[in-house]
PDB file of all heavy atoms in Angstrom:
ATOM      1  N   LEU A   1      -5.105   6.373   3.424  1.00  0.00           N
ATOM      2  CA  LEU A   1      -4.470   7.533   4.074  1.00  0.00           C
ATOM      3  C   LEU A   1      -5.109   7.789   5.485  1.00  0.00           C
ATOM      4  O   LEU A   1      -4.462   8.018   6.486  1.00  0.00           O
ATOM      5  CB  LEU A   1      -4.664   8.791   3.243  1.00  0.00           C
ATOM      6  CG  LEU A   1      -3.740   8.893   1.969  1.00  0.00           C
ATOM      7  CD1 LEU A   1      -4.271   9.889   0.987  1.00  0.00           C
ATOM      8  CD2 LEU A   1      -2.294   9.067   2.407  1.00  0.00           C
ATOM      9  N   ALA A   2      -6.444   7.677   5.529  1.00  0.00           N
ATOM     10  CA  ALA A   2      -7.240   7.881   6.851  1.00  0.00           C
ATOM     11  C   ALA A   2      -6.786   6.754   7.779  1.00  0.00           C
ATOM     12  O   ALA A   2      -6.709   6.976   8.997  1.00  0.00           O
ATOM     13  CB  ALA A   2      -8.698   7.869   6.597  1.00  0.00           C
ATOM     14  N   HIS A   3      -6.700   5.511   7.304  1.00  0.00           N
ATOM     15  CA  HIS A   3      -6.260   4.343   8.107  1.00  0.00           C
ATOM     16  C   HIS A   3      -4.918   4.688   8.693  1.00  0.00           C
ATOM     17  O   HIS A   3      -4.611   4.369   9.884  1.00  0.00           O
ATOM     18  CB  HIS A   3      -6.240   3.181   7.227  1.00  0.00           C
ATOM     19  CG  HIS A   3      -5.897   1.924   7.944  1.00  0.00           C
ATOM     20  ND1 HIS A   3      -6.812   0.931   8.300  1.00  0.00           N
ATOM     21  CD2 HIS A   3      -4.645   1.445   8.449  1.00  0.00           C
ATOM     22  CE1 HIS A   3      -6.219  -0.072   8.944  1.00  0.00           C
ATOM     23  NE2 HIS A   3      -4.887   0.227   9.061  1.00  0.00           N
ATOM     24  N   LYS A   4      -3.969   5.266   7.939  1.00  0.00           N
ATOM     25  CA  LYS A   4      -2.667   5.558   8.412  1.00  0.00           C
ATOM     26  C   LYS A   4      -2.624   6.869   9.249  1.00  0.00           C
ATOM     27  O   LYS A   4      -1.538   7.162   9.877  1.00  0.00           O
ATOM     28  CB  LYS A   4      -1.758   5.685   7.167  1.00  0.00           C
ATOM     29  CG  LYS A   4      -1.323   4.403   6.546  1.00  0.00           C
ATOM     30  CD  LYS A   4      -0.187   3.691   7.397  1.00  0.00           C
ATOM     31  CE  LYS A   4       0.372   2.542   6.638  1.00  0.00           C
ATOM     32  NZ  LYS A   4       1.459   1.867   7.451  1.00  0.00           N
ATOM     33  N   GLY A   5      -3.732   7.565   9.318  1.00  0.00           N
ATOM     34  CA  GLY A   5      -3.687   8.840  10.025  1.00  0.00           C
ATOM     35  C   GLY A   5      -2.907   9.894   9.343  1.00  0.00           C
ATOM     36  O   GLY A   5      -2.363  10.769   9.998  1.00  0.00           O
ATOM     37  N   LEU A   6      -2.949   9.874   7.936  1.00  0.00           N
ATOM     38  CA  LEU A   6      -2.211  10.771   7.176  1.00  0.00           C
ATOM     39  C   LEU A   6      -3.141  11.754   6.515  1.00  0.00           C
ATOM     40  O   LEU A   6      -4.191  11.280   5.961  1.00  0.00           O
ATOM     41  CB  LEU A   6      -1.342  10.067   6.172  1.00  0.00           C
ATOM     42  CG  LEU A   6      -0.220   9.264   6.739  1.00  0.00           C
ATOM     43  CD1 LEU A   6       0.366   8.331   5.625  1.00  0.00           C
ATOM     44  CD2 LEU A   6       0.920  10.150   7.296  1.00  0.00           C
ATOM     45  N   ASP A   7      -2.844  13.032   6.441  1.00  0.00           N
ATOM     46  CA  ASP A   7      -3.622  13.961   5.658  1.00  0.00           C
ATOM     47  C   ASP A   7      -2.978  14.196   4.297  1.00  0.00           C
ATOM     48  O   ASP A   7      -1.747  14.323   4.225  1.00  0.00           O
ATOM     49  CB  ASP A   7      -3.646  15.282   6.444  1.00  0.00           C
ATOM     50  CG  ASP A   7      -4.494  15.179   7.731  1.00  0.00           C
ATOM     51  OD1 ASP A   7      -5.436  14.511   7.684  1.00  0.00           O
ATOM     52  OD2 ASP A   7      -4.112  15.843   8.716  1.00  0.00           O
ATOM     53  N   ALA A   8      -3.808  14.345   3.236  1.00  0.00           N
ATOM     54  CA  ALA A   8      -3.248  14.676   1.962  1.00  0.00           C
ATOM     55  C   ALA A   8      -4.203  15.844   1.318  1.00  0.00           C
ATOM     56  O   ALA A   8      -5.339  15.653   1.367  1.00  0.00           O
ATOM     57  CB  ALA A   8      -3.220  13.420   1.044  1.00  0.00           C
ATOM     58  N   THR A   9      -3.534  16.711   0.799  1.00  0.00           N
ATOM     59  CA  THR A   9      -4.250  17.759   0.083  1.00  0.00           C
ATOM     60  C   THR A   9      -4.762  17.263  -1.327  1.00  0.00           C
ATOM     61  O   THR A   9      -3.914  16.615  -2.094  1.00  0.00           O
ATOM     62  CB  THR A   9      -3.369  18.981  -0.265  1.00  0.00           C
ATOM     63  OG1 THR A   9      -2.934  19.449   1.023  1.00  0.00           O
ATOM     64  CG2 THR A   9      -4.157  20.077  -0.915  1.00  0.00           C
ATOM     65  N   SER A  10      -6.023  17.405  -1.564  1.00  0.00           N
ATOM     66  CA  SER A  10      -6.562  16.956  -2.726  1.00  0.00           C
ATOM     67  C   SER A  10      -6.307  17.873  -3.960  1.00  0.00           C
ATOM     68  O   SER A  10      -6.503  19.049  -3.800  1.00  0.00           O
ATOM     69  CB  SER A  10      -8.142  16.743  -2.666  1.00  0.00           C
ATOM     70  OG  SER A  10      -8.743  16.327  -3.845  1.00  0.00           O
ATOM     71  N   ILE A  11      -5.897  17.256  -5.064  1.00  0.00           N
ATOM     72  CA  ILE A  11      -5.657  18.104  -6.296  1.00  0.00           C
ATOM     73  C   ILE A  11      -6.701  17.541  -7.315  1.00  0.00           C
ATOM     74  O   ILE A  11      -6.539  16.418  -7.807  1.00  0.00           O
ATOM     75  CB  ILE A  11      -4.240  17.969  -6.847  1.00  0.00           C
ATOM     76  CG1 ILE A  11      -3.280  18.364  -5.780  1.00  0.00           C
ATOM     77  CG2 ILE A  11      -4.108  18.849  -8.062  1.00  0.00           C
ATOM     78  CD1 ILE A  11      -1.756  18.065  -6.254  1.00  0.00           C
ATOM     79  N   PRO A  12      -7.757  18.362  -7.549  1.00  0.00           N
ATOM     80  CA  PRO A  12      -8.815  17.879  -8.513  1.00  0.00           C
ATOM     81  C   PRO A  12      -8.255  17.635  -9.826  1.00  0.00           C
ATOM     82  O   PRO A  12      -7.453  18.499 -10.400  1.00  0.00           O
ATOM     83  CB  PRO A  12      -9.878  18.948  -8.444  1.00  0.00           C
ATOM     84  CG  PRO A  12      -9.620  19.666  -7.167  1.00  0.00           C
ATOM     85  CD  PRO A  12      -8.201  19.645  -6.943  1.00  0.00           C
ATOM     86  N   TRP A  13      -8.603  16.614 -10.462  1.00  0.00           N
ATOM     87  CA  TRP A  13      -8.128  16.224 -11.818  1.00  0.00           C
ATOM     88  C   TRP A  13      -9.230  15.643 -12.634  1.00  0.00           C
ATOM     89  O   TRP A  13     -10.139  14.971 -12.092  1.00  0.00           O
ATOM     90  CB  TRP A  13      -6.969  15.185 -11.700  1.00  0.00           C
ATOM     91  CG  TRP A  13      -6.289  14.763 -12.959  1.00  0.00           C
ATOM     92  CD1 TRP A  13      -5.345  15.221 -13.561  1.00  0.00           C
ATOM     93  CD2 TRP A  13      -6.796  13.502 -13.689  1.00  0.00           C
ATOM     94  NE1 TRP A  13      -4.957  14.547 -14.756  1.00  0.00           N
ATOM     95  CE2 TRP A  13      -5.826  13.543 -14.830  1.00  0.00           C
ATOM     96  CE3 TRP A  13      -7.741  12.662 -13.633  1.00  0.00           C
ATOM     97  CZ2 TRP A  13      -5.968  12.474 -15.842  1.00  0.00           C
ATOM     98  CZ3 TRP A  13      -7.875  11.638 -14.613  1.00  0.00           C
ATOM     99  CH2 TRP A  13      -6.978  11.595 -15.656  1.00  0.00           C
ATOM    100  N   ARG A  14      -9.221  15.923 -13.920  1.00  0.00           N
ATOM    101  CA  ARG A  14     -10.289  15.478 -14.841  1.00  0.00           C
ATOM    102  C   ARG A  14      -9.669  14.658 -16.014  1.00  0.00           C
ATOM    103  O   ARG A  14      -8.494  14.790 -16.373  1.00  0.00           O
ATOM    104  CB  ARG A  14     -11.139  16.675 -15.310  1.00  0.00           C
ATOM    105  CG  ARG A  14     -11.822  17.322 -14.188  1.00  0.00           C
ATOM    106  CD  ARG A  14     -12.569  18.575 -14.694  1.00  0.00           C
ATOM    107  NE  ARG A  14     -13.387  19.117 -13.570  1.00  0.00           N
ATOM    108  CZ  ARG A  14     -12.951  20.012 -12.732  1.00  0.00           C
ATOM    109  NH1 ARG A  14     -11.653  20.465 -12.698  1.00  0.00           N
ATOM    110  NH2 ARG A  14     -13.698  20.487 -11.735  1.00  0.00           N
ATOM    111  N   PHE A  15     -10.471  13.860 -16.717  1.00  0.00           N
ATOM    112  CA  PHE A  15      -9.998  12.937 -17.710  1.00  0.00           C
ATOM    113  C   PHE A  15      -9.094  13.653 -18.822  1.00  0.00           C
ATOM    114  O   PHE A  15      -8.245  13.018 -19.297  1.00  0.00           O
ATOM    115  CB  PHE A  15     -11.208  12.311 -18.449  1.00  0.00           C
ATOM    116  CG  PHE A  15     -11.954  11.205 -17.577  1.00  0.00           C
ATOM    117  CD1 PHE A  15     -13.279  11.496 -17.209  1.00  0.00           C
ATOM    118  CD2 PHE A  15     -11.352  10.078 -17.298  1.00  0.00           C
ATOM    119  CE1 PHE A  15     -13.948  10.444 -16.433  1.00  0.00           C
ATOM    120  CE2 PHE A  15     -11.977   9.097 -16.546  1.00  0.00           C
ATOM    121  CZ  PHE A  15     -13.345   9.323 -16.094  1.00  0.00           C
ATOM    122  N   THR A  16      -9.468  14.825 -19.175  1.00  0.00           N
ATOM    123  CA  THR A  16      -8.752  15.444 -20.303  1.00  0.00           C
ATOM    124  C   THR A  16      -7.564  16.294 -19.835  1.00  0.00           C
ATOM    125  O   THR A  16      -6.920  17.056 -20.637  1.00  0.00           O
ATOM    126  CB  THR A  16      -9.644  16.311 -21.201  1.00  0.00           C
ATOM    127  OG1 THR A  16     -10.291  17.325 -20.221  1.00  0.00           O
ATOM    128  CG2 THR A  16     -10.731  15.559 -21.831  1.00  0.00           C
ATOM    129  N   GLU A  17      -7.157  16.179 -18.533  1.00  0.00           N
ATOM    130  CA  GLU A  17      -6.071  16.944 -17.951  1.00  0.00           C
ATOM    131  C   GLU A  17      -4.810  16.115 -17.776  1.00  0.00           C
ATOM    132  O   GLU A  17      -4.075  16.173 -16.892  1.00  0.00           O
ATOM    133  CB  GLU A  17      -6.448  17.568 -16.662  1.00  0.00           C
ATOM    134  CG  GLU A  17      -7.593  18.572 -16.794  1.00  0.00           C
ATOM    135  CD  GLU A  17      -8.179  19.144 -15.502  1.00  0.00           C
ATOM    136  OE1 GLU A  17      -7.916  18.547 -14.502  1.00  0.00           O
ATOM    137  OE2 GLU A  17      -8.860  20.137 -15.558  1.00  0.00           O
ATOM    138  N   LYS A  18      -4.468  15.227 -18.749  1.00  0.00           N
ATOM    139  CA  LYS A  18      -3.456  14.234 -18.672  1.00  0.00           C
ATOM    140  C   LYS A  18      -2.070  14.929 -18.534  1.00  0.00           C
ATOM    141  O   LYS A  18      -1.144  14.465 -17.903  1.00  0.00           O
ATOM    142  CB  LYS A  18      -3.411  13.361 -19.868  1.00  0.00           C
ATOM    143  CG  LYS A  18      -4.676  12.371 -19.839  1.00  0.00           C
ATOM    144  CD  LYS A  18      -4.586  11.296 -20.877  1.00  0.00           C
ATOM    145  CE  LYS A  18      -5.957  10.582 -20.945  1.00  0.00           C
ATOM    146  NZ  LYS A  18      -6.254   9.891 -19.696  1.00  0.00           N
ATOM    147  N   GLY A  19      -1.967  16.188 -19.114  1.00  0.00           N
ATOM    148  CA  GLY A  19      -0.734  16.961 -18.984  1.00  0.00           C
ATOM    149  C   GLY A  19      -0.337  17.220 -17.497  1.00  0.00           C
ATOM    150  O   GLY A  19       0.846  17.404 -17.271  1.00  0.00           O
ATOM    151  N   ALA A  20      -1.340  17.366 -16.678  1.00  0.00           N
ATOM    152  CA  ALA A  20      -1.038  17.696 -15.317  1.00  0.00           C
ATOM    153  C   ALA A  20      -0.222  16.572 -14.567  1.00  0.00           C
ATOM    154  O   ALA A  20       0.480  16.871 -13.530  1.00  0.00           O
ATOM    155  CB  ALA A  20      -2.254  18.003 -14.539  1.00  0.00           C
ATOM    156  N   ILE A  21      -0.483  15.337 -14.956  1.00  0.00           N
ATOM    157  CA  ILE A  21       0.183  14.258 -14.250  1.00  0.00           C
ATOM    158  C   ILE A  21       1.315  13.502 -15.123  1.00  0.00           C
ATOM    159  O   ILE A  21       1.909  12.632 -14.634  1.00  0.00           O
ATOM    160  CB  ILE A  21      -0.829  13.200 -13.784  1.00  0.00           C
ATOM    161  CG1 ILE A  21      -1.710  12.627 -14.971  1.00  0.00           C
ATOM    162  CG2 ILE A  21      -1.705  13.747 -12.747  1.00  0.00           C
ATOM    163  CD1 ILE A  21      -2.680  11.550 -14.515  1.00  0.00           C
ATOM    164  N   SER A  22       1.432  14.003 -16.345  1.00  0.00           N
ATOM    165  CA  SER A  22       2.398  13.370 -17.244  1.00  0.00           C
ATOM    166  C   SER A  22       3.832  13.495 -16.657  1.00  0.00           C
ATOM    167  O   SER A  22       4.689  12.545 -16.834  1.00  0.00           O
ATOM    168  CB  SER A  22       2.348  13.895 -18.683  1.00  0.00           C
ATOM    169  OG  SER A  22       2.556  15.313 -18.680  1.00  0.00           O
ATOM    170  N   PRO A  23       4.095  14.564 -15.938  1.00  0.00           N
ATOM    171  CA  PRO A  23       5.461  14.667 -15.314  1.00  0.00           C
ATOM    172  C   PRO A  23       5.760  13.574 -14.241  1.00  0.00           C
ATOM    173  O   PRO A  23       6.881  13.364 -13.958  1.00  0.00           O
ATOM    174  CB  PRO A  23       5.540  16.014 -14.607  1.00  0.00           C
ATOM    175  CG  PRO A  23       4.461  16.820 -15.357  1.00  0.00           C
ATOM    176  CD  PRO A  23       3.432  15.862 -15.696  1.00  0.00           C
ATOM    177  N   TYR A  24       4.709  12.861 -13.890  1.00  0.00           N
ATOM    178  CA  TYR A  24       4.857  11.840 -12.848  1.00  0.00           C
ATOM    179  C   TYR A  24       4.720  10.427 -13.579  1.00  0.00           C
ATOM    180  O   TYR A  24       4.512   9.420 -12.888  1.00  0.00           O
ATOM    181  CB  TYR A  24       3.842  12.013 -11.756  1.00  0.00           C
ATOM    182  CG  TYR A  24       3.786  13.361 -11.181  1.00  0.00           C
ATOM    183  CD1 TYR A  24       2.714  14.172 -11.408  1.00  0.00           C
ATOM    184  CD2 TYR A  24       4.932  13.923 -10.543  1.00  0.00           C
ATOM    185  CE1 TYR A  24       2.667  15.554 -10.959  1.00  0.00           C
ATOM    186  CE2 TYR A  24       4.867  15.213 -10.039  1.00  0.00           C
ATOM    187  CZ  TYR A  24       3.804  15.985 -10.294  1.00  0.00           C
ATOM    188  OH  TYR A  24       3.880  17.313  -9.794  1.00  0.00           O
ATOM    189  N   ASN A  25       4.963  10.403 -14.913  1.00  0.00           N
ATOM    190  CA  ASN A  25       4.864   9.153 -15.620  1.00  0.00           C
ATOM    191  C   ASN A  25       3.607   8.384 -15.456  1.00  0.00           C
ATOM    192  O   ASN A  25       3.583   7.219 -15.298  1.00  0.00           O
ATOM    193  CB  ASN A  25       6.058   8.229 -15.242  1.00  0.00           C
ATOM    194  CG  ASN A  25       7.455   8.925 -15.507  1.00  0.00           C
ATOM    195  OD1 ASN A  25       7.593   9.480 -16.583  1.00  0.00           O
ATOM    196  ND2 ASN A  25       8.290   8.892 -14.519  1.00  0.00           N
ATOM    197  N   SER A  26       2.494   9.097 -15.513  1.00  0.00           N
ATOM    198  CA  SER A  26       1.227   8.538 -15.367  1.00  0.00           C
ATOM    199  C   SER A  26       0.161   9.179 -16.224  1.00  0.00           C
ATOM    200  O   SER A  26       0.290  10.444 -16.468  1.00  0.00           O
ATOM    201  CB  SER A  26       0.710   8.512 -13.896  1.00  0.00           C
ATOM    202  OG  SER A  26      -0.551   7.814 -13.769  1.00  0.00           O
ATOM    203  N   GLU A  27      -0.793   8.456 -16.780  1.00  0.00           N
ATOM    204  CA  GLU A  27      -1.910   8.986 -17.410  1.00  0.00           C
ATOM    205  C   GLU A  27      -3.215   8.930 -16.714  1.00  0.00           C
ATOM    206  O   GLU A  27      -4.278   9.292 -17.176  1.00  0.00           O
ATOM    207  CB  GLU A  27      -2.070   8.320 -18.837  1.00  0.00           C
ATOM    208  CG  GLU A  27      -0.933   8.568 -19.831  1.00  0.00           C
ATOM    209  CD  GLU A  27      -1.161   7.964 -21.147  1.00  0.00           C
ATOM    210  OE1 GLU A  27      -2.046   7.162 -21.278  1.00  0.00           O
ATOM    211  OE2 GLU A  27      -0.479   8.387 -22.079  1.00  0.00           O
ATOM    212  N   LYS A  28      -3.146   8.188 -15.540  1.00  0.00           N
ATOM    213  CA  LYS A  28      -4.377   7.939 -14.762  1.00  0.00           C
ATOM    214  C   LYS A  28      -4.066   8.359 -13.267  1.00  0.00           C
ATOM    215  O   LYS A  28      -2.939   8.397 -12.852  1.00  0.00           O
ATOM    216  CB  LYS A  28      -4.741   6.544 -14.833  1.00  0.00           C
ATOM    217  CG  LYS A  28      -5.084   6.060 -16.246  1.00  0.00           C
ATOM    218  CD  LYS A  28      -5.396   4.511 -16.210  1.00  0.00           C
ATOM    219  CE  LYS A  28      -5.702   4.081 -17.697  1.00  0.00           C
ATOM    220  NZ  LYS A  28      -5.927   2.686 -17.688  1.00  0.00           N
ATOM    221  N   VAL A  29      -5.159   8.604 -12.635  1.00  0.00           N
ATOM    222  CA  VAL A  29      -5.008   8.836 -11.106  1.00  0.00           C
ATOM    223  C   VAL A  29      -5.474   7.602 -10.366  1.00  0.00           C
ATOM    224  O   VAL A  29      -6.198   6.767 -11.072  1.00  0.00           O
ATOM    225  CB  VAL A  29      -5.927  10.022 -10.698  1.00  0.00           C
ATOM    226  CG1 VAL A  29      -5.368  11.364 -11.280  1.00  0.00           C
ATOM    227  CG2 VAL A  29      -7.327   9.971 -11.174  1.00  0.00           C
ATOM    228  N   PRO A  30      -5.110   7.485  -9.123  1.00  0.00           N
ATOM    229  CA  PRO A  30      -4.503   8.396  -8.260  1.00  0.00           C
ATOM    230  C   PRO A  30      -2.892   8.518  -8.554  1.00  0.00           C
ATOM    231  O   PRO A  30      -2.256   7.605  -8.921  1.00  0.00           O
ATOM    232  CB  PRO A  30      -4.681   7.824  -6.870  1.00  0.00           C
ATOM    233  CG  PRO A  30      -4.739   6.348  -6.998  1.00  0.00           C
ATOM    234  CD  PRO A  30      -5.393   6.177  -8.421  1.00  0.00           C
ATOM    235  N   VAL A  31      -2.426   9.729  -8.251  1.00  0.00           N
ATOM    236  CA  VAL A  31      -1.067   9.935  -8.208  1.00  0.00           C
ATOM    237  C   VAL A  31      -0.783  10.681  -6.792  1.00  0.00           C
ATOM    238  O   VAL A  31      -1.373  11.656  -6.511  1.00  0.00           O
ATOM    239  CB  VAL A  31      -0.599  10.862  -9.348  1.00  0.00           C
ATOM    240  CG1 VAL A  31       0.930  11.291  -9.083  1.00  0.00           C
ATOM    241  CG2 VAL A  31      -0.754  10.252 -10.622  1.00  0.00           C
ATOM    242  N   LEU A  32       0.052  10.111  -6.036  1.00  0.00           N
ATOM    243  CA  LEU A  32       0.410  10.694  -4.741  1.00  0.00           C
ATOM    244  C   LEU A  32       1.747  11.361  -4.757  1.00  0.00           C
ATOM    245  O   LEU A  32       2.773  10.848  -5.330  1.00  0.00           O
ATOM    246  CB  LEU A  32       0.514   9.504  -3.598  1.00  0.00           C
ATOM    247  CG  LEU A  32       0.812   9.968  -2.276  1.00  0.00           C
ATOM    248  CD1 LEU A  32      -0.383  10.729  -1.631  1.00  0.00           C
ATOM    249  CD2 LEU A  32       1.237   8.784  -1.391  1.00  0.00           C
ATOM    250  N   LEU A  33       1.760  12.502  -4.255  1.00  0.00           N
ATOM    251  CA  LEU A  33       3.125  13.243  -4.130  1.00  0.00           C
ATOM    252  C   LEU A  33       3.480  13.384  -2.631  1.00  0.00           C
ATOM    253  O   LEU A  33       2.690  13.872  -1.837  1.00  0.00           O
ATOM    254  CB  LEU A  33       2.936  14.613  -4.717  1.00  0.00           C
ATOM    255  CG  LEU A  33       2.513  14.805  -6.196  1.00  0.00           C
ATOM    256  CD1 LEU A  33       2.370  16.229  -6.607  1.00  0.00           C
ATOM    257  CD2 LEU A  33       3.237  13.896  -7.113  1.00  0.00           C
ATOM    258  N   ASP A  34       4.703  12.940  -2.437  1.00  0.00           N
ATOM    259  CA  ASP A  34       5.199  13.037  -1.041  1.00  0.00           C
ATOM    260  C   ASP A  34       6.566  13.668  -1.021  1.00  0.00           C
ATOM    261  O   ASP A  34       7.554  12.947  -1.295  1.00  0.00           O
ATOM    262  CB  ASP A  34       5.269  11.612  -0.391  1.00  0.00           C
ATOM    263  CG  ASP A  34       5.615  11.617   1.036  1.00  0.00           C
ATOM    264  OD1 ASP A  34       5.718  12.621   1.706  1.00  0.00           O
ATOM    265  OD2 ASP A  34       5.750  10.489   1.630  1.00  0.00           O
ATOM    266  N   GLY A  35       6.634  14.917  -0.899  1.00  0.00           N
ATOM    267  CA  GLY A  35       7.848  15.644  -1.028  1.00  0.00           C
ATOM    268  C   GLY A  35       8.293  15.557  -2.447  1.00  0.00           C
ATOM    269  O   GLY A  35       7.528  15.890  -3.373  1.00  0.00           O
ATOM    270  N   ASP A  36       9.542  15.064  -2.634  1.00  0.00           N
ATOM    271  CA  ASP A  36      10.014  15.005  -4.052  1.00  0.00           C
ATOM    272  C   ASP A  36       9.685  13.677  -4.684  1.00  0.00           C
ATOM    273  O   ASP A  36      10.202  13.348  -5.784  1.00  0.00           O
ATOM    274  CB  ASP A  36      11.503  15.206  -4.136  1.00  0.00           C
ATOM    275  CG  ASP A  36      12.374  14.313  -3.213  1.00  0.00           C
ATOM    276  OD1 ASP A  36      11.740  13.473  -2.502  1.00  0.00           O
ATOM    277  OD2 ASP A  36      13.504  14.368  -3.290  1.00  0.00           O
ATOM    278  N   LYS A  37       8.968  12.751  -3.953  1.00  0.00           N
ATOM    279  CA  LYS A  37       8.603  11.471  -4.512  1.00  0.00           C
ATOM    280  C   LYS A  37       7.219  11.499  -5.160  1.00  0.00           C
ATOM    281  O   LYS A  37       6.304  12.251  -4.641  1.00  0.00           O
ATOM    282  CB  LYS A  37       8.604  10.406  -3.346  1.00  0.00           C
ATOM    283  CG  LYS A  37       9.950  10.143  -2.701  1.00  0.00           C
ATOM    284  CD  LYS A  37       9.837   9.051  -1.695  1.00  0.00           C
ATOM    285  CE  LYS A  37      11.135   8.962  -0.924  1.00  0.00           C
ATOM    286  NZ  LYS A  37      12.220   8.425  -1.846  1.00  0.00           N
ATOM    287  N   SER A  38       6.985  10.724  -6.167  1.00  0.00           N
ATOM    288  CA  SER A  38       5.706  10.578  -6.759  1.00  0.00           C
ATOM    289  C   SER A  38       5.438   9.079  -6.973  1.00  0.00           C
ATOM    290  O   SER A  38       6.315   8.354  -7.297  1.00  0.00           O
ATOM    291  CB  SER A  38       5.600  11.301  -8.164  1.00  0.00           C
ATOM    292  OG  SER A  38       6.515  10.730  -9.007  1.00  0.00           O
ATOM    293  N   VAL A  39       4.173   8.679  -6.659  1.00  0.00           N
ATOM    294  CA  VAL A  39       3.865   7.241  -6.852  1.00  0.00           C
ATOM    295  C   VAL A  39       2.492   7.246  -7.501  1.00  0.00           C
ATOM    296  O   VAL A  39       1.438   7.935  -7.128  1.00  0.00           O
ATOM    297  CB  VAL A  39       3.699   6.576  -5.457  1.00  0.00           C
ATOM    298  CG1 VAL A  39       3.526   5.004  -5.696  1.00  0.00           C
ATOM    299  CG2 VAL A  39       4.903   6.853  -4.517  1.00  0.00           C
ATOM    300  N   ALA A  40       2.367   6.497  -8.583  1.00  0.00           N
ATOM    301  CA  ALA A  40       1.112   6.342  -9.367  1.00  0.00           C
ATOM    302  C   ALA A  40       0.622   4.875  -9.186  1.00  0.00           C
ATOM    303  O   ALA A  40       1.380   3.904  -8.993  1.00  0.00           O
ATOM    304  CB  ALA A  40       1.358   6.733 -10.855  1.00  0.00           C
ATOM    305  N   ASP A  41      -0.723   4.764  -9.370  1.00  0.00           N
ATOM    306  CA  ASP A  41      -1.367   3.510  -9.285  1.00  0.00           C
ATOM    307  C   ASP A  41      -1.736   3.195  -7.782  1.00  0.00           C
ATOM    308  O   ASP A  41      -0.837   3.220  -6.921  1.00  0.00           O
ATOM    309  CB  ASP A  41      -0.536   2.316  -9.775  1.00  0.00           C
ATOM    310  CG  ASP A  41      -1.317   0.936  -9.663  1.00  0.00           C
ATOM    311  OD1 ASP A  41      -2.147   0.755 -10.567  1.00  0.00           O
ATOM    312  OD2 ASP A  41      -0.981   0.158  -8.770  1.00  0.00           O
ATOM    313  N   SER A  42      -3.020   2.857  -7.566  1.00  0.00           N
ATOM    314  CA  SER A  42      -3.557   2.618  -6.154  1.00  0.00           C
ATOM    315  C   SER A  42      -2.693   1.521  -5.496  1.00  0.00           C
ATOM    316  O   SER A  42      -2.337   1.673  -4.296  1.00  0.00           O
ATOM    317  CB  SER A  42      -4.984   2.399  -6.142  1.00  0.00           C
ATOM    318  OG  SER A  42      -5.317   1.249  -6.848  1.00  0.00           O
ATOM    319  N   TRP A  43      -2.449   0.442  -6.121  1.00  0.00           N
ATOM    320  CA  TRP A  43      -1.750  -0.674  -5.460  1.00  0.00           C
ATOM    321  C   TRP A  43      -0.338  -0.333  -5.051  1.00  0.00           C
ATOM    322  O   TRP A  43       0.176  -0.520  -4.009  1.00  0.00           O
ATOM    323  CB  TRP A  43      -1.716  -1.964  -6.260  1.00  0.00           C
ATOM    324  CG  TRP A  43      -0.970  -3.035  -5.700  1.00  0.00           C
ATOM    325  CD1 TRP A  43       0.174  -3.562  -5.976  1.00  0.00           C
ATOM    326  CD2 TRP A  43      -1.362  -3.808  -4.465  1.00  0.00           C
ATOM    327  NE1 TRP A  43       0.554  -4.649  -5.172  1.00  0.00           N
ATOM    328  CE2 TRP A  43      -0.410  -4.764  -4.145  1.00  0.00           C
ATOM    329  CE3 TRP A  43      -2.455  -3.743  -3.611  1.00  0.00           C
ATOM    330  CZ2 TRP A  43      -0.357  -5.644  -3.113  1.00  0.00           C
ATOM    331  CZ3 TRP A  43      -2.549  -4.627  -2.473  1.00  0.00           C
ATOM    332  CH2 TRP A  43      -1.526  -5.573  -2.285  1.00  0.00           C
ATOM    333  N   ALA A  44       0.294   0.413  -5.976  1.00  0.00           N
ATOM    334  CA  ALA A  44       1.705   0.911  -5.706  1.00  0.00           C
ATOM    335  C   ALA A  44       1.637   1.956  -4.640  1.00  0.00           C
ATOM    336  O   ALA A  44       2.554   1.923  -3.722  1.00  0.00           O
ATOM    337  CB  ALA A  44       2.254   1.529  -6.943  1.00  0.00           C
TER     338      ALA A  44
END
């Protein structure tokens, strides 16, 4: 993100908070939200 010159608000997440990211079809972070888009997995 820094390389691209993009700012992103950090949302702190912990191992047992899987419900917070389950709406984005992921059980692990990172999960990026860009408007109405969500992308999970660092390579993706």
